[in-house]
């Protein structure tokens, strides 16, 4: 049986910019965060020790952070977390999910 290897994309485009997506094993030790959007360097950092589903959720969260910044929405972190949660659930669950988080 062929099993697909699940991978986080290496790049994400948003608002005319391309962000490099980088998995780092020491991110959590640096600032106790699971992810970080770096706007000047156009990078999204994700803690590599997270399981795939958590990495997907973190990527969604950081993309929302990018949107919040570029659109000057002024969303509080609680709202960003809520949007992350509903988008992650909508994209990864159901009979035919857009993103498969289980091998």
PDB file of N, CA and C in Angstrom:
ATOM      1  N   UNK A   1       0.839  -1.176   0.000  1.00  0.00           N
ATOM      2  CA  UNK A   1       0.000   0.000   0.000  1.00  0.00           C
ATOM      3  C   UNK A   1       0.891   1.249   0.000  1.00  0.00           C
ATOM      4  N   UNK A   2       0.573   2.198  -0.847  1.00  0.00           N
ATOM      5  CA  UNK A   2       1.298   3.470  -0.908  1.00  0.00           C
ATOM      6  C   UNK A   2       0.736   4.442   0.117  1.00  0.00           C
ATOM      7  N   UNK A   3       1.582   4.935   0.982  1.00  0.00           N
ATOM      8  CA  UNK A   3       1.158   5.950   1.948  1.00  0.00           C
ATOM      9  C   UNK A   3       1.753   7.277   1.545  1.00  0.00           C
ATOM     10  N   UNK A   4       0.912   8.293   1.509  1.00  0.00           N
ATOM     11  CA  UNK A   4       1.392   9.626   1.193  1.00  0.00           C
ATOM     12  C   UNK A   4       2.085  10.215   2.404  1.00  0.00           C
ATOM     13  N   UNK A   5       3.221  10.841   2.174  1.00  0.00           N
ATOM     14  CA  UNK A   5       3.905  11.537   3.247  1.00  0.00           C
ATOM     15  C   UNK A   5       3.280  12.930   3.347  1.00  0.00           C
ATOM     16  N   UNK A   6       2.819  13.258   4.528  1.00  0.00           N
ATOM     17  CA  UNK A   6       2.178  14.546   4.745  1.00  0.00           C
ATOM     18  C   UNK A   6       3.244  15.600   4.988  1.00  0.00           C
ATOM     19  N   UNK A   7       3.142  16.710   4.259  1.00  0.00           N
ATOM     20  CA  UNK A   7       4.150  17.759   4.388  1.00  0.00           C
ATOM     21  C   UNK A   7       3.513  19.133   4.456  1.00  0.00           C
ATOM     22  N   UNK A   8       4.135  19.978   5.219  1.00  0.00           N
ATOM     23  CA  UNK A   8       3.775  21.391   5.272  1.00  0.00           C
ATOM     24  C   UNK A   8       4.417  22.045   4.043  1.00  0.00           C
ATOM     25  N   UNK A   9       3.715  22.963   3.358  1.00  0.00           N
ATOM     26  CA  UNK A   9       4.333  23.607   2.188  1.00  0.00           C
ATOM     27  C   UNK A   9       5.570  24.412   2.575  1.00  0.00           C
ATOM     28  N   UNK A  10       6.511  24.520   1.655  1.00  0.00           N
ATOM     29  CA  UNK A  10       7.743  25.275   1.911  1.00  0.00           C
ATOM     30  C   UNK A  10       7.539  26.774   1.721  1.00  0.00           C
ATOM     31  N   UNK A  11       6.483  27.151   0.979  1.00  0.00           N
ATOM     32  CA  UNK A  11       6.195  28.561   0.731  1.00  0.00           C
ATOM     33  C   UNK A  11       4.688  28.777   0.751  1.00  0.00           C
ATOM     34  N   UNK A  12       4.281  29.968   1.175  1.00  0.00           N
ATOM     35  CA  UNK A  12       2.881  30.373   1.176  1.00  0.00           C
ATOM     36  C   UNK A  12       2.820  31.790   0.622  1.00  0.00           C
ATOM     37  N   UNK A  13       1.887  32.032  -0.294  1.00  0.00           N
ATOM     38  CA  UNK A  13       1.725  33.369  -0.856  1.00  0.00           C
ATOM     39  C   UNK A  13       0.540  34.070  -0.200  1.00  0.00           C
ATOM     40  N   UNK A  14       0.742  35.330   0.128  1.00  0.00           N
ATOM     41  CA  UNK A  14      -0.326  36.137   0.722  1.00  0.00           C
ATOM     42  C   UNK A  14      -0.064  37.605   0.439  1.00  0.00           C
ATOM     43  N   UNK A  15      -1.079  38.296  -0.055  1.00  0.00           N
ATOM     44  CA  UNK A  15      -1.010  39.739  -0.286  1.00  0.00           C
ATOM     45  C   UNK A  15       0.131  40.141  -1.209  1.00  0.00           C
ATOM     46  N   UNK A  16       0.405  39.302  -2.207  1.00  0.00           N
ATOM     47  CA  UNK A  16       1.451  39.606  -3.169  1.00  0.00           C
ATOM     48  C   UNK A  16       2.856  39.292  -2.689  1.00  0.00           C
ATOM     49  N   UNK A  17       2.978  38.699  -1.514  1.00  0.00           N
ATOM     50  CA  UNK A  17       4.280  38.338  -0.959  1.00  0.00           C
ATOM     51  C   UNK A  17       4.363  36.820  -0.836  1.00  0.00           C
ATOM     52  N   UNK A  18       5.566  36.307  -0.934  1.00  0.00           N
ATOM     53  CA  UNK A  18       5.800  34.887  -0.719  1.00  0.00           C
ATOM     54  C   UNK A  18       6.545  34.719   0.606  1.00  0.00           C
ATOM     55  N   UNK A  19       5.963  33.956   1.498  1.00  0.00           N
ATOM     56  CA  UNK A  19       6.565  33.682   2.804  1.00  0.00           C
ATOM     57  C   UNK A  19       7.192  32.297   2.777  1.00  0.00           C
ATOM     58  N   UNK A  20       8.435  32.196   3.206  1.00  0.00           N
ATOM     59  CA  UNK A  20       9.068  30.894   3.396  1.00  0.00           C
ATOM     60  C   UNK A  20       8.505  30.286   4.673  1.00  0.00           C
ATOM     61  N   UNK A  21       8.140  29.022   4.609  1.00  0.00           N
ATOM     62  CA  UNK A  21       7.655  28.307   5.783  1.00  0.00           C
ATOM     63  C   UNK A  21       8.795  27.422   6.271  1.00  0.00           C
ATOM     64  N   UNK A  22       9.217  27.656   7.504  1.00  0.00           N
ATOM     65  CA  UNK A  22      10.396  26.982   8.045  1.00  0.00           C
ATOM     66  C   UNK A  22      10.020  26.234   9.322  1.00  0.00           C
ATOM     67  N   UNK A  23      10.329  24.944   9.338  1.00  0.00           N
ATOM     68  CA  UNK A  23      10.142  24.151  10.557  1.00  0.00           C
ATOM     69  C   UNK A  23      11.415  24.247  11.379  1.00  0.00           C
ATOM     70  N   UNK A  24      11.256  24.642  12.636  1.00  0.00           N
ATOM     71  CA  UNK A  24      12.421  24.786  13.532  1.00  0.00           C
ATOM     72  C   UNK A  24      12.172  24.021  14.808  1.00  0.00           C
ATOM     73  N   UNK A  25      13.164  23.257  15.224  1.00  0.00           N
ATOM     74  CA  UNK A  25      12.987  22.442  16.433  1.00  0.00           C
ATOM     75  C   UNK A  25      13.154  23.219  17.721  1.00  0.00           C
ATOM     76  N   UNK A  26      13.725  24.394  17.643  1.00  0.00           N
ATOM     77  CA  UNK A  26      13.989  25.144  18.874  1.00  0.00           C
ATOM     78  C   UNK A  26      13.067  26.348  19.060  1.00  0.00           C
ATOM     79  N   UNK A  27      12.050  26.477  18.247  1.00  0.00           N
ATOM     80  CA  UNK A  27      11.182  27.649  18.319  1.00  0.00           C
ATOM     81  C   UNK A  27      10.510  27.764  19.679  1.00  0.00           C
ATOM     82  N   UNK A  28      10.016  26.652  20.189  1.00  0.00           N
ATOM     83  CA  UNK A  28       9.303  26.701  21.461  1.00  0.00           C
ATOM     84  C   UNK A  28      10.211  27.177  22.595  1.00  0.00           C
ATOM     85  N   UNK A  29      11.486  26.818  22.559  1.00  0.00           N
ATOM     86  CA  UNK A  29      12.418  27.255  23.597  1.00  0.00           C
ATOM     87  C   UNK A  29      12.712  28.748  23.509  1.00  0.00           C
ATOM     88  N   UNK A  30      12.657  29.298  22.287  1.00  0.00           N
ATOM     89  CA  UNK A  30      12.958  30.713  22.094  1.00  0.00           C
ATOM     90  C   UNK A  30      11.920  31.631  22.725  1.00  0.00           C
ATOM     91  N   UNK A  31      10.647  31.329  22.527  1.00  0.00           N
ATOM     92  CA  UNK A  31       9.624  32.250  23.019  1.00  0.00           C
ATOM     93  C   UNK A  31       8.338  31.549  23.441  1.00  0.00           C
ATOM     94  N   UNK A  32       8.403  30.287  23.700  1.00  0.00           N
ATOM     95  CA  UNK A  32       7.265  29.455  24.094  1.00  0.00           C
ATOM     96  C   UNK A  32       6.081  29.586  23.138  1.00  0.00           C
ATOM     97  N   UNK A  33       6.370  29.813  21.863  1.00  0.00           N
ATOM     98  CA  UNK A  33       5.333  29.867  20.838  1.00  0.00           C
ATOM     99  C   UNK A  33       5.448  28.643  19.939  1.00  0.00           C
ATOM    100  N   UNK A  34       4.343  28.282  19.325  1.00  0.00           N
ATOM    101  CA  UNK A  34       4.357  27.176  18.374  1.00  0.00           C
ATOM    102  C   UNK A  34       4.641  27.669  16.961  1.00  0.00           C
ATOM    103  N   UNK A  35       4.432  28.958  16.736  1.00  0.00           N
ATOM    104  CA  UNK A  35       4.674  29.531  15.427  1.00  0.00           C
ATOM    105  C   UNK A  35       4.939  31.017  15.534  1.00  0.00           C
ATOM    106  N   UNK A  36       5.495  31.564  14.461  1.00  0.00           N
ATOM    107  CA  UNK A  36       5.834  32.986  14.463  1.00  0.00           C
ATOM    108  C   UNK A  36       5.874  33.481  13.026  1.00  0.00           C
ATOM    109  N   UNK A  37       5.171  34.577  12.754  1.00  0.00           N
ATOM    110  CA  UNK A  37       5.232  35.227  11.449  1.00  0.00           C
ATOM    111  C   UNK A  37       6.241  36.364  11.542  1.00  0.00           C
ATOM    112  N   UNK A  38       7.233  36.328  10.672  1.00  0.00           N
ATOM    113  CA  UNK A  38       8.252  37.382  10.630  1.00  0.00           C
ATOM    114  C   UNK A  38       8.025  38.184   9.343  1.00  0.00           C
ATOM    115  N   UNK A  39       7.554  39.407   9.516  1.00  0.00           N
ATOM    116  CA  UNK A  39       7.100  40.183   8.366  1.00  0.00           C
ATOM    117  C   UNK A  39       8.240  40.749   7.532  1.00  0.00           C
ATOM    118  N   UNK A  40       9.296  41.241   8.161  1.00  0.00           N
ATOM    119  CA  UNK A  40      10.412  41.818   7.400  1.00  0.00           C
ATOM    120  C   UNK A  40      11.109  40.775   6.547  1.00  0.00           C
ATOM    121  N   UNK A  41      11.360  39.610   7.118  1.00  0.00           N
ATOM    122  CA  UNK A  41      12.077  38.559   6.381  1.00  0.00           C
ATOM    123  C   UNK A  41      11.131  37.650   5.596  1.00  0.00           C
ATOM    124  N   UNK A  42       9.831  37.889   5.695  1.00  0.00           N
ATOM    125  CA  UNK A  42       8.813  37.092   4.984  1.00  0.00           C
ATOM    126  C   UNK A  42       8.976  35.602   5.285  1.00  0.00           C
ATOM    127  N   UNK A  43       8.939  35.297   6.587  1.00  0.00           N
ATOM    128  CA  UNK A  43       9.067  33.910   7.035  1.00  0.00           C
ATOM    129  C   UNK A  43       7.934  33.568   8.000  1.00  0.00           C
ATOM    130  N   UNK A  44       7.505  32.335   7.933  1.00  0.00           N
ATOM    131  CA  UNK A  44       6.610  31.766   8.933  1.00  0.00           C
ATOM    132  C   UNK A  44       7.367  30.607   9.552  1.00  0.00           C
ATOM    133  N   UNK A  45       7.634  30.713  10.841  1.00  0.00           N
ATOM    134  CA  UNK A  45       8.361  29.666  11.568  1.00  0.00           C
ATOM    135  C   UNK A  45       7.357  28.796  12.305  1.00  0.00           C
ATOM    136  N   UNK A  46       7.558  27.486  12.250  1.00  0.00           N
ATOM    137  CA  UNK A  46       6.679  26.533  12.920  1.00  0.00           C
ATOM    138  C   UNK A  46       7.540  25.557  13.708  1.00  0.00           C
ATOM    139  N   UNK A  47       7.136  25.296  14.923  1.00  0.00           N
ATOM    140  CA  UNK A  47       7.845  24.347  15.790  1.00  0.00           C
ATOM    141  C   UNK A  47       7.775  22.952  15.175  1.00  0.00           C
ATOM    142  N   UNK A  48       8.929  22.373  14.873  1.00  0.00           N
ATOM    143  CA  UNK A  48       8.981  21.079  14.182  1.00  0.00           C
ATOM    144  C   UNK A  48       8.612  19.895  15.072  1.00  0.00           C
ATOM    145  N   UNK A  49       8.642  20.057  16.389  1.00  0.00           N
ATOM    146  CA  UNK A  49       8.306  18.937  17.273  1.00  0.00           C
ATOM    147  C   UNK A  49       6.791  18.698  17.366  1.00  0.00           C
ATOM    148  N   UNK A  50       5.995  19.596  16.821  1.00  0.00           N
ATOM    149  CA  UNK A  50       4.542  19.413  16.819  1.00  0.00           C
ATOM    150  C   UNK A  50       4.163  18.302  15.851  1.00  0.00           C
ATOM    151  N   UNK A  51       3.048  17.614  16.126  1.00  0.00           N
ATOM    152  CA  UNK A  51       2.591  16.628  15.148  1.00  0.00           C
ATOM    153  C   UNK A  51       2.016  17.368  13.931  1.00  0.00           C
ATOM    154  N   UNK A  52       1.787  16.639  12.853  1.00  0.00           N
ATOM    155  CA  UNK A  52       1.386  17.251  11.594  1.00  0.00           C
ATOM    156  C   UNK A  52       0.117  18.096  11.734  1.00  0.00           C
ATOM    157  N   UNK A  53      -0.881  17.588  12.429  1.00  0.00           N
ATOM    158  CA  UNK A  53      -2.132  18.332  12.598  1.00  0.00           C
ATOM    159  C   UNK A  53      -1.891  19.658  13.318  1.00  0.00           C
ATOM    160  N   UNK A  54      -1.035  19.638  14.336  1.00  0.00           N
ATOM    161  CA  UNK A  54      -0.709  20.872  15.060  1.00  0.00           C
ATOM    162  C   UNK A  54       0.097  21.825  14.171  1.00  0.00           C
ATOM    163  N   UNK A  55       0.956  21.289  13.311  1.00  0.00           N
ATOM    164  CA  UNK A  55       1.707  22.137  12.386  1.00  0.00           C
ATOM    165  C   UNK A  55       0.759  22.817  11.398  1.00  0.00           C
ATOM    166  N   UNK A  56      -0.232  22.067  10.898  1.00  0.00           N
ATOM    167  CA  UNK A  56      -1.227  22.649   9.994  1.00  0.00           C
ATOM    168  C   UNK A  56      -1.995  23.751  10.717  1.00  0.00           C
ATOM    169  N   UNK A  57      -2.424  23.473  11.926  1.00  0.00           N
ATOM    170  CA  UNK A  57      -3.166  24.459  12.710  1.00  0.00           C
ATOM    171  C   UNK A  57      -2.325  25.717  12.949  1.00  0.00           C
ATOM    172  N   UNK A  58      -1.055  25.514  13.258  1.00  0.00           N
ATOM    173  CA  UNK A  58      -0.149  26.646  13.491  1.00  0.00           C
ATOM    174  C   UNK A  58       0.060  27.450  12.215  1.00  0.00           C
ATOM    175  N   UNK A  59       0.200  26.768  11.080  1.00  0.00           N
ATOM    176  CA  UNK A  59       0.350  27.480   9.808  1.00  0.00           C
ATOM    177  C   UNK A  59      -0.893  28.331   9.522  1.00  0.00           C
ATOM    178  N   UNK A  60      -2.069  27.759   9.733  1.00  0.00           N
ATOM    179  CA  UNK A  60      -3.312  28.520   9.555  1.00  0.00           C
ATOM    180  C   UNK A  60      -3.306  29.746  10.461  1.00  0.00           C
ATOM    181  N   UNK A  61      -2.908  29.558  11.709  1.00  0.00           N
ATOM    182  CA  UNK A  61      -2.848  30.661  12.678  1.00  0.00           C
ATOM    183  C   UNK A  61      -1.926  31.776  12.179  1.00  0.00           C
ATOM    184  N   UNK A  62      -0.765  31.401  11.706  1.00  0.00           N
ATOM    185  CA  UNK A  62       0.207  32.413  11.262  1.00  0.00           C
ATOM    186  C   UNK A  62      -0.245  33.108   9.975  1.00  0.00           C
ATOM    187  N   UNK A  63      -0.958  32.400   9.108  1.00  0.00           N
ATOM    188  CA  UNK A  63      -1.515  33.042   7.913  1.00  0.00           C
ATOM    189  C   UNK A  63      -2.563  34.076   8.323  1.00  0.00           C
ATOM    190  N   UNK A  64      -3.369  33.751   9.322  1.00  0.00           N
ATOM    191  CA  UNK A  64      -4.338  34.734   9.841  1.00  0.00           C
ATOM    192  C   UNK A  64      -3.607  35.925  10.439  1.00  0.00           C
ATOM    193  N   UNK A  65      -2.506  35.672  11.143  1.00  0.00           N
ATOM    194  CA  UNK A  65      -1.691  36.777  11.688  1.00  0.00           C
ATOM    195  C   UNK A  65      -1.192  37.681  10.561  1.00  0.00           C
ATOM    196  N   UNK A  66      -0.766  37.089   9.451  1.00  0.00           N
ATOM    197  CA  UNK A  66      -0.309  37.868   8.299  1.00  0.00           C
ATOM    198  C   UNK A  66      -1.454  38.740   7.776  1.00  0.00           C
ATOM    199  N   UNK A  67      -2.627  38.131   7.601  1.00  0.00           N
ATOM    200  CA  UNK A  67      -3.788  38.893   7.153  1.00  0.00           C
ATOM    201  C   UNK A  67      -4.150  40.013   8.099  1.00  0.00           C
ATOM    202  N   UNK A  68      -4.096  39.731   9.381  1.00  0.00           N
ATOM    203  CA  UNK A  68      -4.396  40.737  10.405  1.00  0.00           C
ATOM    204  C   UNK A  68      -3.447  41.929  10.290  1.00  0.00           C
ATOM    205  N   UNK A  69      -2.185  41.651  10.042  1.00  0.00           N
ATOM    206  CA  UNK A  69      -1.177  42.710   9.930  1.00  0.00           C
ATOM    207  C   UNK A  69      -1.359  43.522   8.643  1.00  0.00           C
ATOM    208  N   UNK A  70      -1.435  42.834   7.515  1.00  0.00           N
ATOM    209  CA  UNK A  70      -1.485  43.540   6.229  1.00  0.00           C
ATOM    210  C   UNK A  70      -2.803  44.271   6.000  1.00  0.00           C
ATOM    211  N   UNK A  71      -3.885  43.731   6.541  1.00  0.00           N
ATOM    212  CA  UNK A  71      -5.177  44.392   6.386  1.00  0.00           C
ATOM    213  C   UNK A  71      -5.487  45.350   7.528  1.00  0.00           C
ATOM    214  N   UNK A  72      -4.559  45.416   8.494  1.00  0.00           N
ATOM    215  CA  UNK A  72      -4.722  46.292   9.664  1.00  0.00           C
ATOM    216  C   UNK A  72      -6.078  46.076  10.333  1.00  0.00           C
ATOM    217  N   UNK A  73      -6.413  44.801  10.558  1.00  0.00           N
ATOM    218  CA  UNK A  73      -7.701  44.455  11.134  1.00  0.00           C
ATOM    219  C   UNK A  73      -7.785  44.725  12.630  1.00  0.00           C
ATOM    220  N   UNK A  74      -6.649  44.660  13.294  1.00  0.00           N
ATOM    221  CA  UNK A  74      -6.646  44.885  14.738  1.00  0.00           C
ATOM    222  C   UNK A  74      -7.304  43.775  15.533  1.00  0.00           C
ATOM    223  N   UNK A  75      -7.283  42.562  14.998  1.00  0.00           N
ATOM    224  CA  UNK A  75      -7.885  41.439  15.724  1.00  0.00           C
ATOM    225  C   UNK A  75      -7.072  41.114  16.961  1.00  0.00           C
ATOM    226  N   UNK A  76      -7.772  40.839  18.039  1.00  0.00           N
ATOM    227  CA  UNK A  76      -7.091  40.382  19.247  1.00  0.00           C
ATOM    228  C   UNK A  76      -6.682  38.921  19.060  1.00  0.00           C
ATOM    229  N   UNK A  77      -5.695  38.499  19.836  1.00  0.00           N
ATOM    230  CA  UNK A  77      -5.178  37.130  19.703  1.00  0.00           C
ATOM    231  C   UNK A  77      -6.274  36.093  19.916  1.00  0.00           C
ATOM    232  N   UNK A  78      -7.203  36.361  20.812  1.00  0.00           N
ATOM    233  CA  UNK A  78      -8.310  35.440  21.076  1.00  0.00           C
ATOM    234  C   UNK A  78      -9.137  35.214  19.804  1.00  0.00           C
ATOM    235  N   UNK A  79      -9.387  36.265  19.032  1.00  0.00           N
ATOM    236  CA  UNK A  79     -10.148  36.146  17.785  1.00  0.00           C
ATOM    237  C   UNK A  79      -9.355  35.359  16.749  1.00  0.00           C
ATOM    238  N   UNK A  80      -8.056  35.596  16.680  1.00  0.00           N
ATOM    239  CA  UNK A  80      -7.203  34.863  15.739  1.00  0.00           C
ATOM    240  C   UNK A  80      -7.216  33.374  16.074  1.00  0.00           C
ATOM    241  N   UNK A  81      -7.143  33.052  17.353  1.00  0.00           N
ATOM    242  CA  UNK A  81      -7.191  31.641  17.784  1.00  0.00           C
ATOM    243  C   UNK A  81      -8.530  31.000  17.428  1.00  0.00           C
ATOM    244  N   UNK A  82      -9.606  31.744  17.570  1.00  0.00           N
ATOM    245  CA  UNK A  82     -10.928  31.228  17.213  1.00  0.00           C
ATOM    246  C   UNK A  82     -11.046  30.960  15.730  1.00  0.00           C
ATOM    247  N   UNK A  83     -10.558  31.888  14.911  1.00  0.00           N
ATOM    248  CA  UNK A  83     -10.570  31.691  13.463  1.00  0.00           C
ATOM    249  C   UNK A  83      -9.706  30.493  13.066  1.00  0.00           C
ATOM    250  N   UNK A  84      -8.548  30.382  13.706  1.00  0.00           N
ATOM    251  CA  UNK A  84      -7.666  29.230  13.447  1.00  0.00           C
ATOM    252  C   UNK A  84      -8.398  27.924  13.716  1.00  0.00           C
ATOM    253  N   UNK A  85      -9.076  27.862  14.845  1.00  0.00           N
ATOM    254  CA  UNK A  85      -9.754  26.633  15.250  1.00  0.00           C
ATOM    255  C   UNK A  85     -10.849  26.232  14.261  1.00  0.00           C
ATOM    256  N   UNK A  86     -11.686  27.180  13.879  1.00  0.00           N
ATOM    257  CA  UNK A  86     -12.791  26.854  12.969  1.00  0.00           C
ATOM    258  C   UNK A  86     -12.276  26.514  11.573  1.00  0.00           C
ATOM    259  N   UNK A  87     -11.255  27.216  11.104  1.00  0.00           N
ATOM    260  CA  UNK A  87     -10.692  26.900   9.786  1.00  0.00           C
ATOM    261  C   UNK A  87     -10.003  25.538   9.786  1.00  0.00           C
ATOM    262  N   UNK A  88      -9.257  25.245  10.840  1.00  0.00           N
ATOM    263  CA  UNK A  88      -8.588  23.940  10.940  1.00  0.00           C
ATOM    264  C   UNK A  88      -9.623  22.817  10.912  1.00  0.00           C
ATOM    265  N   UNK A  89     -10.686  22.978  11.687  1.00  0.00           N
ATOM    266  CA  UNK A  89     -11.725  21.951  11.723  1.00  0.00           C
ATOM    267  C   UNK A  89     -12.406  21.813  10.361  1.00  0.00           C
ATOM    268  N   UNK A  90     -12.736  22.932   9.727  1.00  0.00           N
ATOM    269  CA  UNK A  90     -13.423  22.890   8.440  1.00  0.00           C
ATOM    270  C   UNK A  90     -12.558  22.264   7.348  1.00  0.00           C
ATOM    271  N   UNK A  91     -11.257  22.503   7.396  1.00  0.00           N
ATOM    272  CA  UNK A  91     -10.353  22.020   6.351  1.00  0.00           C
ATOM    273  C   UNK A  91      -9.869  20.597   6.566  1.00  0.00           C
ATOM    274  N   UNK A  92      -9.933  20.096   7.806  1.00  0.00           N
ATOM    275  CA  UNK A  92      -9.306  18.799   8.097  1.00  0.00           C
ATOM    276  C   UNK A  92     -10.267  17.703   8.536  1.00  0.00           C
ATOM    277  N   UNK A  93     -11.552  17.992   8.666  1.00  0.00           N
ATOM    278  CA  UNK A  93     -12.484  16.962   9.127  1.00  0.00           C
ATOM    279  C   UNK A  93     -13.587  16.739   8.095  1.00  0.00           C
ATOM    280  N   UNK A  94     -14.386  15.741   8.348  1.00  0.00           N
ATOM    281  CA  UNK A  94     -15.478  15.404   7.441  1.00  0.00           C
ATOM    282  C   UNK A  94     -15.110  14.235   6.552  1.00  0.00           C
ATOM    283  N   UNK A  95     -16.017  13.881   5.690  1.00  0.00           N
ATOM    284  CA  UNK A  95     -15.838  12.717   4.833  1.00  0.00           C
ATOM    285  C   UNK A  95     -14.695  12.884   3.832  1.00  0.00           C
ATOM    286  N   UNK A  96     -14.575  14.054   3.234  1.00  0.00           N
ATOM    287  CA  UNK A  96     -13.526  14.326   2.250  1.00  0.00           C
ATOM    288  C   UNK A  96     -12.834  15.645   2.585  1.00  0.00           C
ATOM    289  N   UNK A  97     -11.982  15.639   3.592  1.00  0.00           N
ATOM    290  CA  UNK A  97     -11.351  16.896   4.003  1.00  0.00           C
ATOM    291  C   UNK A  97     -10.403  17.436   2.935  1.00  0.00           C
ATOM    292  N   UNK A  98     -10.311  18.752   2.867  1.00  0.00           N
ATOM    293  CA  UNK A  98      -9.397  19.390   1.937  1.00  0.00           C
ATOM    294  C   UNK A  98      -7.944  19.088   2.298  1.00  0.00           C
ATOM    295  N   UNK A  99      -7.661  19.042   3.604  1.00  0.00           N
ATOM    296  CA  UNK A  99      -6.324  18.725   4.106  1.00  0.00           C
ATOM    297  C   UNK A  99      -6.432  17.473   4.973  1.00  0.00           C
ATOM    298  N   UNK A 100      -5.718  16.451   4.611  1.00  0.00           N
ATOM    299  CA  UNK A 100      -5.718  15.222   5.423  1.00  0.00           C
ATOM    300  C   UNK A 100      -4.615  15.304   6.466  1.00  0.00           C
ATOM    301  N   UNK A 101      -4.990  15.155   7.719  1.00  0.00           N
ATOM    302  CA  UNK A 101      -3.993  15.216   8.786  1.00  0.00           C
ATOM    303  C   UNK A 101      -3.698  13.838   9.365  1.00  0.00           C
ATOM    304  N   UNK A 102      -4.405  12.831   8.901  1.00  0.00           N
ATOM    305  CA  UNK A 102      -4.150  11.453   9.321  1.00  0.00           C
ATOM    306  C   UNK A 102      -3.578  10.685   8.149  1.00  0.00           C
ATOM    307  N   UNK A 103      -2.538   9.898   8.416  1.00  0.00           N
ATOM    308  CA  UNK A 103      -1.878   9.114   7.356  1.00  0.00           C
ATOM    309  C   UNK A 103      -2.751   7.971   6.926  1.00  0.00           C
TER     310      UNK A 103
END
